[in-house]
Amino acid sequence: EQIDRATWQLSWALPDGHQARYQLRSEAGAGPLALLQLIQFQLPARIFIVEPNSPPAAAKPARRPQP
């Protein structure tokens, strides 16, 4: 949901009944959704891992396409 001109909030229910909220904020430009216009930027399929003892996912740097 859009909070104001520069802030969006994502919310979802967790398995334990609590509510998770994540806010995206931008100070200039097209707002937080401008991130989607970055080259090869993708939102992760899952942000939180809820299985116990799961190893963290390896971070991968973005690669710029060769001209």
N, C-alpha and C. Protein backbone atom coordinates (compact mmCIF):
# COMPACT_ATOMS: atom_id res chain seq x y z
N GLU A 1 0.84 -1.18 0.00
CA GLU A 1 0.00 0.00 0.00
C GLU A 1 0.89 1.24 0.00
N GLN A 2 0.42 2.29 -0.63
CA GLN A 2 1.17 3.54 -0.67
C GLN A 2 0.85 4.35 0.58
N ILE A 3 1.90 4.74 1.31
CA ILE A 3 1.75 5.51 2.55
C ILE A 3 1.70 7.00 2.23
N ASP A 4 2.64 7.47 1.43
CA ASP A 4 2.68 8.85 0.96
C ASP A 4 3.37 8.85 -0.41
N ARG A 5 3.73 10.02 -0.91
CA ARG A 5 4.31 10.09 -2.25
C ARG A 5 5.64 9.36 -2.37
N ALA A 6 6.34 9.17 -1.27
CA ALA A 6 7.66 8.55 -1.32
C ALA A 6 7.76 7.21 -0.60
N THR A 7 6.68 6.76 0.03
CA THR A 7 6.76 5.55 0.86
C THR A 7 5.70 4.53 0.48
N TRP A 8 6.15 3.29 0.35
CA TRP A 8 5.26 2.14 0.12
C TRP A 8 5.48 1.15 1.24
N GLN A 9 4.44 0.46 1.65
CA GLN A 9 4.56 -0.55 2.70
C GLN A 9 4.02 -1.89 2.20
N LEU A 10 4.82 -2.93 2.40
CA LEU A 10 4.40 -4.30 2.10
C LEU A 10 4.09 -4.97 3.43
N SER A 11 3.01 -5.71 3.52
CA SER A 11 2.64 -6.41 4.76
C SER A 11 2.19 -7.82 4.41
N TRP A 12 2.49 -8.74 5.31
CA TRP A 12 2.00 -10.10 5.15
C TRP A 12 1.95 -10.77 6.51
N ALA A 13 1.08 -11.79 6.60
CA ALA A 13 0.90 -12.53 7.84
C ALA A 13 1.98 -13.60 7.95
N LEU A 14 2.55 -13.73 9.14
CA LEU A 14 3.55 -14.76 9.41
C LEU A 14 2.86 -16.01 9.96
N PRO A 15 3.53 -17.17 9.86
CA PRO A 15 2.91 -18.41 10.35
C PRO A 15 2.52 -18.36 11.83
N ASP A 16 3.22 -17.54 12.63
CA ASP A 16 2.90 -17.48 14.06
C ASP A 16 1.78 -16.49 14.37
N GLY A 17 1.16 -15.91 13.33
CA GLY A 17 0.05 -15.00 13.53
C GLY A 17 0.44 -13.53 13.58
N HIS A 18 1.72 -13.22 13.70
CA HIS A 18 2.17 -11.83 13.70
C HIS A 18 2.13 -11.27 12.28
N GLN A 19 2.15 -9.96 12.19
CA GLN A 19 2.15 -9.27 10.91
C GLN A 19 3.55 -8.72 10.64
N ALA A 20 4.10 -9.00 9.47
CA ALA A 20 5.40 -8.43 9.08
C ALA A 20 5.13 -7.24 8.16
N ARG A 21 5.89 -6.17 8.38
CA ARG A 21 5.75 -4.97 7.54
C ARG A 21 7.13 -4.53 7.07
N TYR A 22 7.22 -4.16 5.81
CA TYR A 22 8.47 -3.70 5.22
C TYR A 22 8.16 -2.42 4.47
N GLN A 23 8.89 -1.34 4.78
CA GLN A 23 8.64 -0.06 4.12
C GLN A 23 9.78 0.28 3.17
N LEU A 24 9.42 0.74 1.97
CA LEU A 24 10.37 1.22 0.97
C LEU A 24 10.17 2.72 0.87
N ARG A 25 11.26 3.47 0.94
CA ARG A 25 11.16 4.93 0.88
C ARG A 25 12.23 5.47 -0.04
N SER A 26 11.88 6.49 -0.80
CA SER A 26 12.81 7.15 -1.70
C SER A 26 12.71 8.66 -1.51
N GLU A 27 13.83 9.32 -1.54
CA GLU A 27 13.85 10.78 -1.35
C GLU A 27 13.70 11.55 -2.66
N ALA A 28 13.94 10.91 -3.79
CA ALA A 28 13.88 11.63 -5.07
C ALA A 28 13.50 10.66 -6.18
N GLY A 29 13.21 11.21 -7.33
CA GLY A 29 12.95 10.38 -8.49
C GLY A 29 11.55 9.78 -8.48
N ALA A 30 11.44 8.59 -9.04
CA ALA A 30 10.15 7.93 -9.21
C ALA A 30 9.69 7.18 -7.96
N GLY A 31 10.41 7.30 -6.87
CA GLY A 31 10.02 6.61 -5.65
C GLY A 31 10.68 5.25 -5.54
N PRO A 32 10.29 4.47 -4.53
CA PRO A 32 10.92 3.17 -4.28
C PRO A 32 10.82 2.20 -5.44
N LEU A 33 9.75 2.28 -6.22
CA LEU A 33 9.60 1.34 -7.32
C LEU A 33 10.56 1.63 -8.47
N ALA A 34 11.30 2.73 -8.40
CA ALA A 34 12.33 3.02 -9.40
C ALA A 34 13.42 1.95 -9.38
N LEU A 35 13.57 1.24 -8.26
CA LEU A 35 14.55 0.15 -8.18
C LEU A 35 14.30 -0.90 -9.26
N LEU A 36 13.05 -1.09 -9.62
CA LEU A 36 12.73 -2.10 -10.62
C LEU A 36 13.26 -1.75 -12.00
N GLN A 37 13.64 -0.49 -12.22
CA GLN A 37 14.17 -0.07 -13.50
C GLN A 37 15.68 -0.27 -13.60
N LEU A 38 16.33 -0.66 -12.49
CA LEU A 38 17.76 -0.91 -12.53
C LEU A 38 18.03 -2.13 -13.40
N ILE A 39 19.19 -2.14 -14.03
CA ILE A 39 19.55 -3.25 -14.91
C ILE A 39 19.63 -4.54 -14.11
N GLN A 40 18.91 -5.54 -14.55
CA GLN A 40 18.89 -6.89 -13.97
C GLN A 40 18.47 -6.92 -12.50
N PHE A 41 17.80 -5.90 -12.01
CA PHE A 41 17.34 -5.92 -10.62
C PHE A 41 16.13 -6.84 -10.51
N GLN A 42 16.13 -7.71 -9.51
CA GLN A 42 15.00 -8.59 -9.25
C GLN A 42 14.74 -8.62 -7.75
N LEU A 43 13.48 -8.52 -7.39
CA LEU A 43 13.13 -8.72 -5.99
C LEU A 43 13.28 -10.20 -5.68
N PRO A 44 13.74 -10.53 -4.48
CA PRO A 44 13.88 -11.95 -4.14
C PRO A 44 12.51 -12.63 -4.04
N ALA A 45 12.49 -13.91 -4.37
CA ALA A 45 11.24 -14.66 -4.27
C ALA A 45 10.81 -14.78 -2.81
N ARG A 46 11.79 -14.92 -1.93
CA ARG A 46 11.51 -14.99 -0.50
C ARG A 46 12.47 -14.05 0.21
N ILE A 47 11.94 -13.30 1.15
CA ILE A 47 12.78 -12.38 1.91
C ILE A 47 13.22 -13.02 3.21
N PHE A 48 12.32 -13.76 3.86
CA PHE A 48 12.63 -14.40 5.13
C PHE A 48 12.58 -15.91 4.96
N ILE A 49 13.49 -16.59 5.61
CA ILE A 49 13.49 -18.05 5.63
C ILE A 49 13.01 -18.47 7.01
N VAL A 50 11.97 -19.27 7.05
CA VAL A 50 11.39 -19.63 8.34
C VAL A 50 11.76 -21.04 8.80
N GLU A 51 12.42 -21.83 7.94
CA GLU A 51 12.83 -23.16 8.36
C GLU A 51 13.99 -23.05 9.34
N PRO A 52 13.96 -23.80 10.43
CA PRO A 52 15.08 -23.75 11.39
C PRO A 52 16.35 -24.32 10.77
N ASN A 53 17.47 -23.73 11.16
CA ASN A 53 18.80 -24.19 10.74
C ASN A 53 19.05 -24.12 9.23
N SER A 54 18.34 -23.24 8.53
CA SER A 54 18.58 -23.08 7.10
C SER A 54 19.82 -22.22 6.88
N PRO A 55 20.71 -22.62 5.97
CA PRO A 55 21.87 -21.78 5.70
C PRO A 55 21.42 -20.51 4.96
N PRO A 56 22.08 -19.38 5.20
CA PRO A 56 21.71 -18.15 4.50
C PRO A 56 22.03 -18.27 3.01
N ALA A 57 21.21 -17.63 2.19
CA ALA A 57 21.46 -17.62 0.75
C ALA A 57 22.66 -16.74 0.44
N ALA A 58 23.43 -17.14 -0.53
CA ALA A 58 24.61 -16.36 -0.93
C ALA A 58 24.16 -15.13 -1.72
N ALA A 59 24.73 -14.00 -1.40
CA ALA A 59 24.43 -12.77 -2.14
C ALA A 59 25.18 -12.79 -3.46
N LYS A 60 24.53 -12.31 -4.51
CA LYS A 60 25.16 -12.27 -5.83
C LYS A 60 25.18 -10.82 -6.30
N PRO A 61 26.36 -10.31 -6.65
CA PRO A 61 26.41 -8.93 -7.14
C PRO A 61 25.76 -8.81 -8.52
N ALA A 62 25.17 -7.67 -8.77
CA ALA A 62 24.58 -7.42 -10.09
C ALA A 62 25.69 -7.25 -11.11
N ARG A 63 25.46 -7.77 -12.30
CA ARG A 63 26.44 -7.62 -13.38
C ARG A 63 25.86 -6.73 -14.46
N ARG A 64 26.65 -5.79 -14.92
CA ARG A 64 26.22 -4.92 -16.01
C ARG A 64 26.48 -5.64 -17.33
N PRO A 65 25.54 -5.58 -18.26
CA PRO A 65 25.77 -6.21 -19.56
C PRO A 65 26.91 -5.52 -20.30
N GLN A 66 27.65 -6.31 -21.04
CA GLN A 66 28.76 -5.77 -21.84
C GLN A 66 28.19 -5.03 -23.04
N PRO A 67 28.80 -3.88 -23.40
CA PRO A 67 28.30 -3.12 -24.57
C PRO A 67 28.50 -3.86 -25.87
